[in-house]
């Protein structure tokens, strides 16, 4: 007796099963990617949100923006907005190494006092 029909049947079942598994895995990956996209950082923060990220007041954000110490973009409403890259750049430029003085704070105070 030949095993050919059984082998053909087993191959057909294996192919169907592989297709079903691939479909389920892809559906799960798409769902996880969709959930991750929803949980990512916003494209742009308004002044209130940016001040919360930097742990300062909205008034301080406005002063930093007006003094040129932090960049900004204009939102469609005409109000200032801050991308994550802008906030990261600001934090990077004002990073204080152990044992050093925070230059950005003194620079801000000096600019404010000059006005």
Protein backbone atom coordinates (compact mmCIF):
# COMPACT_ATOMS: atom_id res chain seq x y z
CA UNK A 1 0.00 0.00 0.00
CA UNK A 2 1.29 3.49 -0.93
CA UNK A 3 1.67 6.28 1.60
CA UNK A 4 1.31 8.91 -1.13
CA UNK A 5 -2.38 9.80 -0.41
CA UNK A 6 -1.66 10.11 3.31
CA UNK A 7 1.41 12.28 2.64
CA UNK A 8 -0.63 14.50 0.32
CA UNK A 9 -3.37 14.83 2.94
CA UNK A 10 -0.82 15.64 5.68
CA UNK A 11 0.85 18.28 3.48
CA UNK A 12 -2.53 19.87 2.69
CA UNK A 13 -3.43 19.96 6.40
CA UNK A 14 0.01 21.40 7.28
CA UNK A 15 -0.32 24.13 4.63
CA UNK A 16 -3.82 25.04 5.83
CA UNK A 17 -2.65 25.11 9.45
CA UNK A 18 0.39 27.26 8.58
CA UNK A 19 -1.86 29.71 6.74
CA UNK A 20 -4.28 29.89 9.69
CA UNK A 21 -1.45 30.41 12.19
CA UNK A 22 0.13 33.11 10.02
CA UNK A 23 -3.23 34.89 9.79
CA UNK A 24 -3.70 34.81 13.57
CA UNK A 25 -0.15 36.02 14.23
CA UNK A 26 -0.48 38.87 11.74
CA UNK A 27 -3.80 39.92 13.28
CA UNK A 28 -2.21 39.96 16.75
CA UNK A 29 0.82 41.94 15.52
CA UNK A 30 -1.44 44.49 13.80
CA UNK A 31 -3.48 44.89 17.00
CA UNK A 32 -0.34 45.36 19.14
CA UNK A 33 1.11 47.88 16.67
CA UNK A 34 -2.17 49.79 16.70
CA UNK A 35 -2.21 49.85 20.51
CA UNK A 36 1.42 51.00 20.58
CA UNK A 37 0.70 53.80 18.14
CA UNK A 38 -2.11 55.03 20.38
CA UNK A 39 0.15 54.98 23.44
CA UNK A 40 3.06 56.90 21.89
CA UNK A 41 3.94 60.48 22.58
CA UNK A 42 1.94 63.24 20.97
CA UNK A 43 3.24 64.86 17.81
CA UNK A 44 3.08 68.28 19.39
CA UNK A 45 2.39 69.73 22.84
CA UNK A 46 0.64 73.02 23.52
CA UNK A 47 2.19 75.42 26.05
CA UNK A 48 0.25 73.95 28.98
CA UNK A 49 1.22 70.35 28.11
CA UNK A 50 4.86 71.29 27.44
CA UNK A 51 5.06 73.05 30.81
CA UNK A 52 3.83 69.85 32.47
CA UNK A 53 6.48 67.82 30.64
CA UNK A 54 9.23 70.21 31.77
CA UNK A 55 7.72 70.56 35.25
CA UNK A 56 7.37 74.33 35.08
CA UNK A 57 4.53 76.81 34.80
CA UNK A 58 2.98 77.86 31.49
CA UNK A 59 4.26 81.38 32.26
CA UNK A 60 7.82 80.05 32.47
CA UNK A 61 7.33 78.27 29.13
CA UNK A 62 6.20 81.55 27.59
CA UNK A 63 9.23 83.38 29.06
CA UNK A 64 11.61 80.71 27.77
CA UNK A 65 10.02 80.92 24.31
CA UNK A 66 10.02 84.72 24.19
CA UNK A 67 13.64 84.90 25.35
CA UNK A 68 14.67 82.43 22.63
CA UNK A 69 15.89 79.77 25.05
CA UNK A 70 13.47 77.18 23.66
CA UNK A 71 12.27 76.70 20.12
CA UNK A 72 8.65 76.32 19.12
CA UNK A 73 6.35 75.75 16.17
CA UNK A 74 3.11 77.50 15.39
CA UNK A 75 0.02 75.35 15.71
CA UNK A 76 -2.82 75.81 13.20
CA UNK A 77 -4.55 77.91 15.87
CA UNK A 78 -1.60 80.34 15.78
CA UNK A 79 -0.52 79.40 19.29
CA UNK A 80 2.96 78.11 20.09
CA UNK A 81 3.55 74.38 20.13
CA UNK A 82 6.47 72.20 21.19
CA UNK A 83 7.49 68.93 19.55
CA UNK A 84 9.13 66.19 21.62
CA UNK A 85 12.36 66.95 19.70
CA UNK A 86 12.24 70.61 20.79
CA UNK A 87 11.74 69.65 24.43
CA UNK A 88 14.49 67.02 24.26
CA UNK A 89 16.85 69.52 22.65
CA UNK A 90 16.12 72.07 25.38
CA UNK A 91 16.73 69.51 28.12
CA UNK A 92 19.95 68.37 26.44
CA UNK A 93 21.26 71.91 26.25
CA UNK A 94 20.42 72.51 29.90
CA UNK A 95 21.71 69.23 31.28
CA UNK A 96 23.78 69.80 34.41
CA UNK A 97 26.70 67.47 35.02
CA UNK A 98 27.57 66.60 38.60
CA UNK A 99 29.64 69.37 40.17
CA UNK A 100 28.87 72.02 37.52
CA UNK A 101 26.60 75.04 37.53
CA UNK A 102 23.40 75.06 35.44
CA UNK A 103 24.40 77.61 32.77
CA UNK A 104 20.92 77.89 31.30
CA UNK A 105 19.41 79.14 34.54
CA UNK A 106 22.00 81.90 34.95
CA UNK A 107 21.70 82.79 31.25
CA UNK A 108 17.92 83.10 31.68
CA UNK A 109 18.30 85.21 34.84
CA UNK A 110 20.84 87.45 33.12
CA UNK A 111 18.56 88.00 30.12
CA UNK A 112 15.59 88.70 32.40
CA UNK A 113 17.56 91.17 34.52
CA UNK A 114 18.77 93.03 31.42
CA UNK A 115 15.21 93.84 30.38
